[in-house]
Amino acid sequence: MTAAWKAIVEDRVIAVVRAGRVPNPAGVADAFAAGGIRCVEFTCTIPEVTSVIAAAADARYAIVGVGTVIRDDQARSAVEAGAQFVVSPAMRPEIVPAAGGLPVFMGAITPT
């Protein structure tokens, strides 16, 4: 069981950061952790999200993941940048191997 999986099961909450820019990703992640939310998801809607994840991976207390993942290359890049879990809004089985054994959480959406 990974640290991310353990924290998600224990805390049952993930903070989701969806912003135009994130000037201090590690600070944001640690602020959530200080407030009791250890898992922080930065969405692929953030410009240059892999850079944000790489910076957030320096957080001392938080577990950083990536969300709004719809393609396997997004998952792979985020994991290489330091993401410890992956969240997708849809069923995208190709994301699972791209996550390299890390936890993957898939949603189910419909266009209607």
PDB file of N, CA and C in Angstrom:
ATOM      1  N   MET A   1       0.854  -1.176   0.000  1.00  0.00           N
ATOM      2  CA  MET A   1       0.000   0.000   0.000  1.00  0.00           C
ATOM      3  C   MET A   1       0.900   1.239   0.000  1.00  0.00           C
ATOM      4  N   THR A   2       0.656   2.130  -0.949  1.00  0.00           N
ATOM      5  CA  THR A   2       1.468   3.346  -1.030  1.00  0.00           C
ATOM      6  C   THR A   2       1.043   4.341   0.048  1.00  0.00           C
ATOM      7  N   ALA A   3       1.913   5.308   0.305  1.00  0.00           N
ATOM      8  CA  ALA A   3       1.585   6.360   1.282  1.00  0.00           C
ATOM      9  C   ALA A   3       0.354   7.136   0.836  1.00  0.00           C
ATOM     10  N   ALA A   4       0.225   7.359  -0.464  1.00  0.00           N
ATOM     11  CA  ALA A   4      -0.946   8.084  -0.977  1.00  0.00           C
ATOM     12  C   ALA A   4      -2.218   7.292  -0.721  1.00  0.00           C
ATOM     13  N   TRP A   5      -2.194   6.016  -1.050  1.00  0.00           N
ATOM     14  CA  TRP A   5      -3.380   5.182  -0.843  1.00  0.00           C
ATOM     15  C   TRP A   5      -3.762   5.154   0.634  1.00  0.00           C
ATOM     16  N   LYS A   6      -2.779   4.968   1.493  1.00  0.00           N
ATOM     17  CA  LYS A   6      -3.022   4.916   2.938  1.00  0.00           C
ATOM     18  C   LYS A   6      -3.655   6.226   3.434  1.00  0.00           C
ATOM     19  N   ALA A   7      -3.111   7.365   3.000  1.00  0.00           N
ATOM     20  CA  ALA A   7      -3.638   8.659   3.435  1.00  0.00           C
ATOM     21  C   ALA A   7      -5.055   8.899   2.916  1.00  0.00           C
ATOM     22  N   ILE A   8      -5.307   8.521   1.681  1.00  0.00           N
ATOM     23  CA  ILE A   8      -6.647   8.710   1.111  1.00  0.00           C
ATOM     24  C   ILE A   8      -7.668   7.850   1.846  1.00  0.00           C
ATOM     25  N   VAL A   9      -7.310   6.622   2.142  1.00  0.00           N
ATOM     26  CA  VAL A   9      -8.220   5.729   2.876  1.00  0.00           C
ATOM     27  C   VAL A   9      -8.467   6.273   4.288  1.00  0.00           C
ATOM     28  N   GLU A  10      -7.420   6.731   4.939  1.00  0.00           N
ATOM     29  CA  GLU A  10      -7.566   7.245   6.303  1.00  0.00           C
ATOM     30  C   GLU A  10      -8.314   8.578   6.359  1.00  0.00           C
ATOM     31  N   ASP A  11      -7.947   9.505   5.475  1.00  0.00           N
ATOM     32  CA  ASP A  11      -8.510  10.861   5.535  1.00  0.00           C
ATOM     33  C   ASP A  11      -9.842  10.981   4.806  1.00  0.00           C
ATOM     34  N   ARG A  12     -10.019  10.189   3.769  1.00  0.00           N
ATOM     35  CA  ARG A  12     -11.233  10.191   2.937  1.00  0.00           C
ATOM     36  C   ARG A  12     -11.522  11.539   2.296  1.00  0.00           C
ATOM     37  N   VAL A  13     -10.465  12.318   2.020  1.00  0.00           N
ATOM     38  CA  VAL A  13     -10.633  13.615   1.372  1.00  0.00           C
ATOM     39  C   VAL A  13      -9.364  13.962   0.594  1.00  0.00           C
ATOM     40  N   ILE A  14      -9.563  14.627  -0.541  1.00  0.00           N
ATOM     41  CA  ILE A  14      -8.460  15.140  -1.348  1.00  0.00           C
ATOM     42  C   ILE A  14      -8.786  16.596  -1.666  1.00  0.00           C
ATOM     43  N   ALA A  15      -7.868  17.497  -1.388  1.00  0.00           N
ATOM     44  CA  ALA A  15      -8.048  18.898  -1.775  1.00  0.00           C
ATOM     45  C   ALA A  15      -7.738  18.997  -3.266  1.00  0.00           C
ATOM     46  N   VAL A  16      -8.578  19.713  -3.997  1.00  0.00           N
ATOM     47  CA  VAL A  16      -8.384  19.883  -5.438  1.00  0.00           C
ATOM     48  C   VAL A  16      -8.034  21.339  -5.723  1.00  0.00           C
ATOM     49  N   VAL A  17      -6.891  21.532  -6.371  1.00  0.00           N
ATOM     50  CA  VAL A  17      -6.454  22.879  -6.741  1.00  0.00           C
ATOM     51  C   VAL A  17      -6.621  23.025  -8.249  1.00  0.00           C
ATOM     52  N   ARG A  18      -7.488  23.945  -8.623  1.00  0.00           N
ATOM     53  CA  ARG A  18      -7.745  24.266 -10.027  1.00  0.00           C
ATOM     54  C   ARG A  18      -7.627  25.785 -10.118  1.00  0.00           C
ATOM     55  N   ALA A  19      -6.547  26.251 -10.728  1.00  0.00           N
ATOM     56  CA  ALA A  19      -6.276  27.690 -10.732  1.00  0.00           C
ATOM     57  C   ALA A  19      -5.584  28.095 -12.026  1.00  0.00           C
ATOM     58  N   GLY A  20      -5.588  29.379 -12.285  1.00  0.00           N
ATOM     59  CA  GLY A  20      -4.892  29.907 -13.451  1.00  0.00           C
ATOM     60  C   GLY A  20      -3.385  29.847 -13.292  1.00  0.00           C
ATOM     61  N   ARG A  21      -2.941  29.982 -12.038  1.00  0.00           N
ATOM     62  CA  ARG A  21      -1.519  29.838 -11.714  1.00  0.00           C
ATOM     63  C   ARG A  21      -1.397  29.513 -10.232  1.00  0.00           C
ATOM     64  N   VAL A  22      -0.301  28.889  -9.883  1.00  0.00           N
ATOM     65  CA  VAL A  22      -0.043  28.505  -8.493  1.00  0.00           C
ATOM     66  C   VAL A  22       1.380  28.946  -8.172  1.00  0.00           C
ATOM     67  N   PRO A  23       1.534  30.142  -7.572  1.00  0.00           N
ATOM     68  CA  PRO A  23       2.877  30.691  -7.359  1.00  0.00           C
ATOM     69  C   PRO A  23       3.748  29.912  -6.369  1.00  0.00           C
ATOM     70  N   ASN A  24       3.147  29.224  -5.400  1.00  0.00           N
ATOM     71  CA  ASN A  24       3.923  28.500  -4.399  1.00  0.00           C
ATOM     72  C   ASN A  24       3.291  27.130  -4.164  1.00  0.00           C
ATOM     73  N   PRO A  25       3.461  26.206  -5.101  1.00  0.00           N
ATOM     74  CA  PRO A  25       2.786  24.912  -4.993  1.00  0.00           C
ATOM     75  C   PRO A  25       3.100  24.136  -3.716  1.00  0.00           C
ATOM     76  N   ALA A  26       4.359  24.107  -3.297  1.00  0.00           N
ATOM     77  CA  ALA A  26       4.704  23.378  -2.071  1.00  0.00           C
ATOM     78  C   ALA A  26       4.056  24.037  -0.861  1.00  0.00           C
ATOM     79  N   GLY A  27       4.017  25.364  -0.846  1.00  0.00           N
ATOM     80  CA  GLY A  27       3.366  26.081   0.253  1.00  0.00           C
ATOM     81  C   GLY A  27       1.882  25.807   0.317  1.00  0.00           C
ATOM     82  N   VAL A  28       1.236  25.761  -0.843  1.00  0.00           N
ATOM     83  CA  VAL A  28      -0.194  25.440  -0.898  1.00  0.00           C
ATOM     84  C   VAL A  28      -0.444  24.033  -0.359  1.00  0.00           C
ATOM     85  N   ALA A  29       0.358  23.083  -0.838  1.00  0.00           N
ATOM     86  CA  ALA A  29       0.191  21.697  -0.402  1.00  0.00           C
ATOM     87  C   ALA A  29       0.418  21.553   1.097  1.00  0.00           C
ATOM     88  N   ASP A  30       1.461  22.182   1.612  1.00  0.00           N
ATOM     89  CA  ASP A  30       1.734  22.093   3.050  1.00  0.00           C
ATOM     90  C   ASP A  30       0.672  22.819   3.884  1.00  0.00           C
ATOM     91  N   ALA A  31       0.092  23.881   3.337  1.00  0.00           N
ATOM     92  CA  ALA A  31      -0.982  24.581   4.065  1.00  0.00           C
ATOM     93  C   ALA A  31      -2.201  23.665   4.219  1.00  0.00           C
ATOM     94  N   PHE A  32      -2.542  22.937   3.154  1.00  0.00           N
ATOM     95  CA  PHE A  32      -3.640  21.973   3.275  1.00  0.00           C
ATOM     96  C   PHE A  32      -3.289  20.907   4.295  1.00  0.00           C
ATOM     97  N   ALA A  33      -2.064  20.403   4.252  1.00  0.00           N
ATOM     98  CA  ALA A  33      -1.643  19.365   5.198  1.00  0.00           C
ATOM     99  C   ALA A  33      -1.708  19.870   6.628  1.00  0.00           C
ATOM    100  N   ALA A  34      -1.300  21.117   6.840  1.00  0.00           N
ATOM    101  CA  ALA A  34      -1.367  21.702   8.189  1.00  0.00           C
ATOM    102  C   ALA A  34      -2.806  21.798   8.675  1.00  0.00           C
ATOM    103  N   GLY A  35      -3.732  21.945   7.738  1.00  0.00           N
ATOM    104  CA  GLY A  35      -5.154  21.990   8.085  1.00  0.00           C
ATOM    105  C   GLY A  35      -5.799  20.621   8.168  1.00  0.00           C
ATOM    106  N   GLY A  36      -5.016  19.556   7.974  1.00  0.00           N
ATOM    107  CA  GLY A  36      -5.526  18.204   8.131  1.00  0.00           C
ATOM    108  C   GLY A  36      -5.859  17.486   6.837  1.00  0.00           C
ATOM    109  N   ILE A  37      -5.615  18.120   5.695  1.00  0.00           N
ATOM    110  CA  ILE A  37      -5.874  17.473   4.407  1.00  0.00           C
ATOM    111  C   ILE A  37      -4.527  17.176   3.764  1.00  0.00           C
ATOM    112  N   ARG A  38      -4.086  15.931   3.909  1.00  0.00           N
ATOM    113  CA  ARG A  38      -2.743  15.564   3.453  1.00  0.00           C
ATOM    114  C   ARG A  38      -2.617  15.402   1.946  1.00  0.00           C
ATOM    115  N   CYS A  39      -3.680  15.005   1.265  1.00  0.00           N
ATOM    116  CA  CYS A  39      -3.606  14.741  -0.174  1.00  0.00           C
ATOM    117  C   CYS A  39      -4.106  15.940  -0.965  1.00  0.00           C
ATOM    118  N   VAL A  40      -3.276  16.409  -1.884  1.00  0.00           N
ATOM    119  CA  VAL A  40      -3.592  17.589  -2.681  1.00  0.00           C
ATOM    120  C   VAL A  40      -3.441  17.234  -4.151  1.00  0.00           C
ATOM    121  N   GLU A  41      -4.501  17.485  -4.899  1.00  0.00           N
ATOM    122  CA  GLU A  41      -4.539  17.207  -6.334  1.00  0.00           C
ATOM    123  C   GLU A  41      -4.430  18.519  -7.105  1.00  0.00           C
ATOM    124  N   PHE A  42      -3.458  18.583  -8.004  1.00  0.00           N
ATOM    125  CA  PHE A  42      -3.336  19.710  -8.921  1.00  0.00           C
ATOM    126  C   PHE A  42      -3.863  19.236 -10.267  1.00  0.00           C
ATOM    127  N   THR A  43      -4.822  19.964 -10.832  1.00  0.00           N
ATOM    128  CA  THR A  43      -5.489  19.491 -12.044  1.00  0.00           C
ATOM    129  C   THR A  43      -4.717  19.839 -13.309  1.00  0.00           C
ATOM    130  N   CYS A  44      -4.947  19.046 -14.330  1.00  0.00           N
ATOM    131  CA  CYS A  44      -4.308  19.276 -15.632  1.00  0.00           C
ATOM    132  C   CYS A  44      -4.828  20.532 -16.321  1.00  0.00           C
ATOM    133  N   THR A  45      -5.803  21.192 -15.724  1.00  0.00           N
ATOM    134  CA  THR A  45      -6.285  22.461 -16.274  1.00  0.00           C
ATOM    135  C   THR A  45      -5.366  23.617 -15.889  1.00  0.00           C
ATOM    136  N   ILE A  46      -4.444  23.392 -14.987  1.00  0.00           N
ATOM    137  CA  ILE A  46      -3.468  24.408 -14.580  1.00  0.00           C
ATOM    138  C   ILE A  46      -2.388  24.475 -15.653  1.00  0.00           C
ATOM    139  N   PRO A  47      -2.090  25.665 -16.167  1.00  0.00           N
ATOM    140  CA  PRO A  47      -1.009  25.771 -17.162  1.00  0.00           C
ATOM    141  C   PRO A  47       0.306  25.215 -16.600  1.00  0.00           C
ATOM    142  N   GLU A  48       0.991  24.446 -17.426  1.00  0.00           N
ATOM    143  CA  GLU A  48       2.276  23.839 -17.052  1.00  0.00           C
ATOM    144  C   GLU A  48       2.180  23.067 -15.738  1.00  0.00           C
ATOM    145  N   VAL A  49       1.159  22.238 -15.644  1.00  0.00           N
ATOM    146  CA  VAL A  49       0.896  21.517 -14.397  1.00  0.00           C
ATOM    147  C   VAL A  49       2.056  20.627 -13.972  1.00  0.00           C
ATOM    148  N   THR A  50       2.832  20.096 -14.903  1.00  0.00           N
ATOM    149  CA  THR A  50       3.953  19.249 -14.481  1.00  0.00           C
ATOM    150  C   THR A  50       4.996  20.040 -13.702  1.00  0.00           C
ATOM    151  N   SER A  51       5.199  21.305 -14.062  1.00  0.00           N
ATOM    152  CA  SER A  51       6.107  22.156 -13.290  1.00  0.00           C
ATOM    153  C   SER A  51       5.539  22.435 -11.907  1.00  0.00           C
ATOM    154  N   VAL A  52       4.240  22.624 -11.842  1.00  0.00           N
ATOM    155  CA  VAL A  52       3.564  22.855 -10.555  1.00  0.00           C
ATOM    156  C   VAL A  52       3.709  21.619  -9.679  1.00  0.00           C
ATOM    157  N   ILE A  53       3.487  20.457 -10.255  1.00  0.00           N
ATOM    158  CA  ILE A  53       3.609  19.205  -9.490  1.00  0.00           C
ATOM    159  C   ILE A  53       5.045  19.001  -9.023  1.00  0.00           C
ATOM    160  N   ALA A  54       6.011  19.273  -9.890  1.00  0.00           N
ATOM    161  CA  ALA A  54       7.421  19.122  -9.495  1.00  0.00           C
ATOM    162  C   ALA A  54       7.748  20.030  -8.319  1.00  0.00           C
ATOM    163  N   ALA A  55       7.253  21.257  -8.349  1.00  0.00           N
ATOM    164  CA  ALA A  55       7.488  22.182  -7.235  1.00  0.00           C
ATOM    165  C   ALA A  55       6.732  21.735  -5.993  1.00  0.00           C
ATOM    166  N   ALA A  56       5.515  21.249  -6.165  1.00  0.00           N
ATOM    167  CA  ALA A  56       4.704  20.802  -5.026  1.00  0.00           C
ATOM    168  C   ALA A  56       5.266  19.534  -4.399  1.00  0.00           C
ATOM    169  N   ALA A  57       5.963  18.751  -5.182  1.00  0.00           N
ATOM    170  CA  ALA A  57       6.549  17.514  -4.657  1.00  0.00           C
ATOM    171  C   ALA A  57       7.571  17.802  -3.565  1.00  0.00           C
ATOM    172  N   ASP A  58       8.029  19.047  -3.461  1.00  0.00           N
ATOM    173  CA  ASP A  58       8.943  19.445  -2.392  1.00  0.00           C
ATOM    174  C   ASP A  58       8.219  19.708  -1.074  1.00  0.00           C
ATOM    175  N   ALA A  59       6.887  19.587  -1.081  1.00  0.00           N
ATOM    176  CA  ALA A  59       6.124  19.794   0.154  1.00  0.00           C
ATOM    177  C   ALA A  59       6.611  18.808   1.215  1.00  0.00           C
ATOM    178  N   ARG A  60       6.699  19.286   2.430  1.00  0.00           N
ATOM    179  CA  ARG A  60       7.228  18.446   3.508  1.00  0.00           C
ATOM    180  C   ARG A  60       6.187  17.505   4.077  1.00  0.00           C
ATOM    181  N   TYR A  61       4.915  17.911   4.060  1.00  0.00           N
ATOM    182  CA  TYR A  61       3.891  17.157   4.777  1.00  0.00           C
ATOM    183  C   TYR A  61       2.759  16.635   3.897  1.00  0.00           C
ATOM    184  N   ALA A  62       2.677  17.109   2.672  1.00  0.00           N
ATOM    185  CA  ALA A  62       1.557  16.760   1.809  1.00  0.00           C
ATOM    186  C   ALA A  62       1.915  15.641   0.833  1.00  0.00           C
ATOM    187  N   ILE A  63       0.882  14.986   0.352  1.00  0.00           N
ATOM    188  CA  ILE A  63       1.001  13.978  -0.693  1.00  0.00           C
ATOM    189  C   ILE A  63       0.366  14.593  -1.931  1.00  0.00           C
ATOM    190  N   VAL A  64       1.144  14.705  -2.989  1.00  0.00           N
ATOM    191  CA  VAL A  64       0.732  15.447  -4.180  1.00  0.00           C
ATOM    192  C   VAL A  64       0.305  14.496  -5.289  1.00  0.00           C
ATOM    193  N   GLY A  65      -0.816  14.840  -5.929  1.00  0.00           N
ATOM    194  CA  GLY A  65      -1.300  14.052  -7.050  1.00  0.00           C
ATOM    195  C   GLY A  65      -1.730  14.943  -8.189  1.00  0.00           C
ATOM    196  N   VAL A  66      -2.169  14.310  -9.257  1.00  0.00           N
ATOM    197  CA  VAL A  66      -2.627  15.027 -10.447  1.00  0.00           C
ATOM    198  C   VAL A  66      -4.065  14.618 -10.745  1.00  0.00           C
ATOM    199  N   GLY A  67      -4.852  15.592 -11.221  1.00  0.00           N
ATOM    200  CA  GLY A  67      -6.243  15.305 -11.542  1.00  0.00           C
ATOM    201  C   GLY A  67      -6.649  15.827 -12.901  1.00  0.00           C
ATOM    202  N   THR A  68      -7.873  15.521 -13.267  1.00  0.00           N
ATOM    203  CA  THR A  68      -8.440  15.865 -14.569  1.00  0.00           C
ATOM    204  C   THR A  68      -7.578  15.263 -15.682  1.00  0.00           C
ATOM    205  N   VAL A  69      -7.098  14.059 -15.436  1.00  0.00           N
ATOM    206  CA  VAL A  69      -6.239  13.359 -16.393  1.00  0.00           C
ATOM    207  C   VAL A  69      -7.131  12.610 -17.379  1.00  0.00           C
ATOM    208  N   ILE A  70      -6.948  12.892 -18.648  1.00  0.00           N
ATOM    209  CA  ILE A  70      -7.754  12.214 -19.665  1.00  0.00           C
ATOM    210  C   ILE A  70      -6.904  11.470 -20.698  1.00  0.00           C
ATOM    211  N   ARG A  71      -5.582  11.630 -20.594  1.00  0.00           N
ATOM    212  CA  ARG A  71      -4.688  10.945 -21.534  1.00  0.00           C
ATOM    213  C   ARG A  71      -3.536  10.281 -20.774  1.00  0.00           C
ATOM    214  N   ASP A  72      -3.049   9.198 -21.317  1.00  0.00           N
ATOM    215  CA  ASP A  72      -1.956   8.494 -20.657  1.00  0.00           C
ATOM    216  C   ASP A  72      -0.679   9.320 -20.588  1.00  0.00           C
ATOM    217  N   ASP A  73      -0.412  10.173 -21.588  1.00  0.00           N
ATOM    218  CA  ASP A  73       0.799  10.996 -21.531  1.00  0.00           C
ATOM    219  C   ASP A  73       0.737  12.014 -20.396  1.00  0.00           C
ATOM    220  N   GLN A  74      -0.463  12.491 -20.060  1.00  0.00           N
ATOM    221  CA  GLN A  74      -0.617  13.409 -18.923  1.00  0.00           C
ATOM    222  C   GLN A  74      -0.254  12.690 -17.624  1.00  0.00           C
ATOM    223  N   ALA A  75      -0.741  11.470 -17.475  1.00  0.00           N
ATOM    224  CA  ALA A  75      -0.437  10.696 -16.269  1.00  0.00           C
ATOM    225  C   ALA A  75       1.060  10.434 -16.170  1.00  0.00           C
ATOM    226  N   ARG A  76       1.642   9.995 -17.258  1.00  0.00           N
ATOM    227  CA  ARG A  76       3.070   9.666 -17.271  1.00  0.00           C
ATOM    228  C   ARG A  76       3.925  10.885 -16.909  1.00  0.00           C
ATOM    229  N   SER A  77       3.627  12.018 -17.520  1.00  0.00           N
ATOM    230  CA  SER A  77       4.400  13.246 -17.251  1.00  0.00           C
ATOM    231  C   SER A  77       4.257  13.685 -15.801  1.00  0.00           C
ATOM    232  N   ALA A  78       3.044  13.603 -15.283  1.00  0.00           N
ATOM    233  CA  ALA A  78       2.804  14.018 -13.898  1.00  0.00           C
ATOM    234  C   ALA A  78       3.522  13.101 -12.911  1.00  0.00           C
ATOM    235  N   VAL A  79       3.494  11.808 -13.177  1.00  0.00           N
ATOM    236  CA  VAL A  79       4.191  10.856 -12.303  1.00  0.00           C
ATOM    237  C   VAL A  79       5.697  11.112 -12.357  1.00  0.00           C
ATOM    238  N   GLU A  80       6.215  11.357 -13.545  1.00  0.00           N
ATOM    239  CA  GLU A  80       7.647  11.677 -13.671  1.00  0.00           C
ATOM    240  C   GLU A  80       7.995  12.959 -12.917  1.00  0.00           C
ATOM    241  N   ALA A  81       7.029  13.880 -12.815  1.00  0.00           N
ATOM    242  CA  ALA A  81       7.257  15.150 -12.104  1.00  0.00           C
ATOM    243  C   ALA A  81       7.125  14.994 -10.594  1.00  0.00           C
ATOM    244  N   GLY A  82       6.562  13.867 -10.133  1.00  0.00           N
ATOM    245  CA  GLY A  82       6.452  13.636  -8.698  1.00  0.00           C
ATOM    246  C   GLY A  82       5.069  13.358  -8.167  1.00  0.00           C
ATOM    247  N   ALA A  83       4.057  13.294  -9.034  1.00  0.00           N
ATOM    248  CA  ALA A  83       2.704  12.965  -8.565  1.00  0.00           C
ATOM    249  C   ALA A  83       2.702  11.574  -7.938  1.00  0.00           C
ATOM    250  N   GLN A  84       1.938  11.424  -6.849  1.00  0.00           N
ATOM    251  CA  GLN A  84       1.883  10.152  -6.142  1.00  0.00           C
ATOM    252  C   GLN A  84       0.544   9.440  -6.308  1.00  0.00           C
ATOM    253  N   PHE A  85      -0.410  10.099  -6.981  1.00  0.00           N
ATOM    254  CA  PHE A  85      -1.669   9.464  -7.340  1.00  0.00           C
ATOM    255  C   PHE A  85      -2.249  10.204  -8.534  1.00  0.00           C
ATOM    256  N   VAL A  86      -3.176   9.550  -9.236  1.00  0.00           N
ATOM    257  CA  VAL A  86      -3.758  10.089 -10.464  1.00  0.00           C
ATOM    258  C   VAL A  86      -5.276   9.997 -10.365  1.00  0.00           C
ATOM    259  N   VAL A  87      -5.957  11.089 -10.768  1.00  0.00           N
ATOM    260  CA  VAL A  87      -7.423  11.120 -10.776  1.00  0.00           C
ATOM    261  C   VAL A  87      -7.891  11.491 -12.176  1.00  0.00           C
ATOM    262  N   SER A  88      -8.847  10.731 -12.681  1.00  0.00           N
ATOM    263  CA  SER A  88      -9.431  11.013 -13.989  1.00  0.00           C
ATOM    264  C   SER A  88     -10.933  11.188 -13.837  1.00  0.00           C
ATOM    265  N   PRO A  89     -11.525  12.131 -14.583  1.00  0.00           N
ATOM    266  CA  PRO A  89     -12.970  12.315 -14.491  1.00  0.00           C
ATOM    267  C   PRO A  89     -13.744  11.255 -15.274  1.00  0.00           C
ATOM    268  N   ALA A  90     -13.044  10.420 -16.029  1.00  0.00           N
ATOM    269  CA  ALA A  90     -13.699   9.436 -16.884  1.00  0.00           C
ATOM    270  C   ALA A  90     -12.979   8.096 -16.801  1.00  0.00           C
ATOM    271  N   MET A  91     -13.597   7.075 -17.330  1.00  0.00           N
ATOM    272  CA  MET A  91     -12.974   5.754 -17.392  1.00  0.00           C
ATOM    273  C   MET A  91     -11.966   5.754 -18.531  1.00  0.00           C
ATOM    274  N   ARG A  92     -10.704   5.783 -18.197  1.00  0.00           N
ATOM    275  CA  ARG A  92      -9.608   5.782 -19.171  1.00  0.00           C
ATOM    276  C   ARG A  92      -8.616   4.695 -18.767  1.00  0.00           C
ATOM    277  N   PRO A  93      -8.883   3.435 -19.131  1.00  0.00           N
ATOM    278  CA  PRO A  93      -8.020   2.328 -18.701  1.00  0.00           C
ATOM    279  C   PRO A  93      -6.554   2.493 -19.068  1.00  0.00           C
ATOM    280  N   GLU A  94      -6.257   3.203 -20.153  1.00  0.00           N
ATOM    281  CA  GLU A  94      -4.863   3.374 -20.578  1.00  0.00           C
ATOM    282  C   GLU A  94      -4.049   4.204 -19.584  1.00  0.00           C
ATOM    283  N   ILE A  95      -4.728   4.889 -18.677  1.00  0.00           N
ATOM    284  CA  ILE A  95      -4.034   5.687 -17.667  1.00  0.00           C
ATOM    285  C   ILE A  95      -3.370   4.798 -16.615  1.00  0.00           C
ATOM    286  N   VAL A  96      -3.954   3.645 -16.353  1.00  0.00           N
ATOM    287  CA  VAL A  96      -3.455   2.776 -15.281  1.00  0.00           C
ATOM    288  C   VAL A  96      -1.996   2.380 -15.500  1.00  0.00           C
ATOM    289  N   PRO A  97      -1.627   1.810 -16.638  1.00  0.00           N
ATOM    290  CA  PRO A  97      -0.202   1.480 -16.796  1.00  0.00           C
ATOM    291  C   PRO A  97       0.700   2.713 -16.856  1.00  0.00           C
ATOM    292  N   ALA A  98       0.172   3.824 -17.355  1.00  0.00           N
ATOM    293  CA  ALA A  98       0.964   5.062 -17.427  1.00  0.00           C
ATOM    294  C   ALA A  98       1.287   5.601 -16.041  1.00  0.00           C
ATOM    295  N   ALA A  99       0.479   5.231 -15.044  1.00  0.00           N
ATOM    296  CA  ALA A  99       0.700   5.700 -13.672  1.00  0.00           C
ATOM    297  C   ALA A  99       1.793   4.907 -12.963  1.00  0.00           C
ATOM    298  N   GLY A 100       2.291   3.874 -13.588  1.00  0.00           N
ATOM    299  CA  GLY A 100       3.431   3.147 -13.046  1.00  0.00           C
ATOM    300  C   GLY A 100       3.200   2.499 -11.690  1.00  0.00           C
ATOM    301  N   GLY A 101       2.012   1.996 -11.447  1.00  0.00           N
ATOM    302  CA  GLY A 101       1.727   1.307 -10.194  1.00  0.00           C
ATOM    303  C   GLY A 101       1.201   2.190  -9.083  1.00  0.00           C
ATOM    304  N   LEU A 102       1.094   3.491  -9.327  1.00  0.00           N
ATOM    305  CA  LEU A 102       0.531   4.399  -8.324  1.00  0.00           C
ATOM    306  C   LEU A 102      -0.991   4.300  -8.328  1.00  0.00           C
ATOM    307  N   PRO A 103      -1.636   4.725  -7.251  1.00  0.00           N
ATOM    308  CA  PRO A 103      -3.106   4.681  -7.226  1.00  0.00           C
ATOM    309  C   PRO A 103      -3.723   5.549  -8.324  1.00  0.00           C
ATOM    310  N   VAL A 104      -4.739   4.996  -8.981  1.00  0.00           N
ATOM    311  CA  VAL A 104      -5.482   5.704 -10.021  1.00  0.00           C
ATOM    312  C   VAL A 104      -6.947   5.646  -9.646  1.00  0.00           C
ATOM    313  N   PHE A 105      -7.593   6.809  -9.649  1.00  0.00           N
ATOM    314  CA  PHE A 105      -9.019   6.906  -9.328  1.00  0.00           C
ATOM    315  C   PHE A 105      -9.739   7.433 -10.560  1.00  0.00           C
ATOM    316  N   MET A 106     -10.666   6.623 -11.085  1.00  0.00           N
ATOM    317  CA  MET A 106     -11.380   7.022 -12.278  1.00  0.00           C
ATOM    318  C   MET A 106     -12.844   7.277 -11.962  1.00  0.00           C
ATOM    319  N   GLY A 107     -13.360   8.333 -12.562  1.00  0.00           N
ATOM    320  CA  GLY A 107     -14.773   8.648 -12.433  1.00  0.00           C
ATOM    321  C   GLY A 107     -15.507   8.124 -13.639  1.00  0.00           C
ATOM    322  N   ALA A 108     -16.758   8.453 -13.704  1.00  0.00           N
ATOM    323  CA  ALA A 108     -17.570   8.087 -14.854  1.00  0.00           C
ATOM    324  C   ALA A 108     -18.432   9.279 -15.212  1.00  0.00           C
ATOM    325  N   ILE A 109     -18.297   9.764 -16.436  1.00  0.00           N
ATOM    326  CA  ILE A 109     -19.073  10.920 -16.864  1.00  0.00           C
ATOM    327  C   ILE A 109     -19.853  10.575 -18.107  1.00  0.00           C
ATOM    328  N   THR A 110     -20.884  11.359 -18.364  1.00  0.00           N
ATOM    329  CA  THR A 110     -21.624  11.217 -19.604  1.00  0.00           C
ATOM    330  C   THR A 110     -21.711  12.595 -20.233  1.00  0.00           C
ATOM    331  N   PRO A 111     -21.793  12.676 -21.531  1.00  0.00           N
ATOM    332  CA  PRO A 111     -21.869  13.991 -22.174  1.00  0.00           C
ATOM    333  C   PRO A 111     -23.220  14.666 -21.992  1.00  0.00           C
ATOM    334  N   THR A 112     -24.195  13.957 -21.480  1.00  0.00           N
ATOM    335  CA  THR A 112     -25.522  14.569 -21.273  1.00  0.00           C
ATOM    336  C   THR A 112     -25.726  14.839 -19.813  1.00  0.00           C
TER     337      THR A 112
END
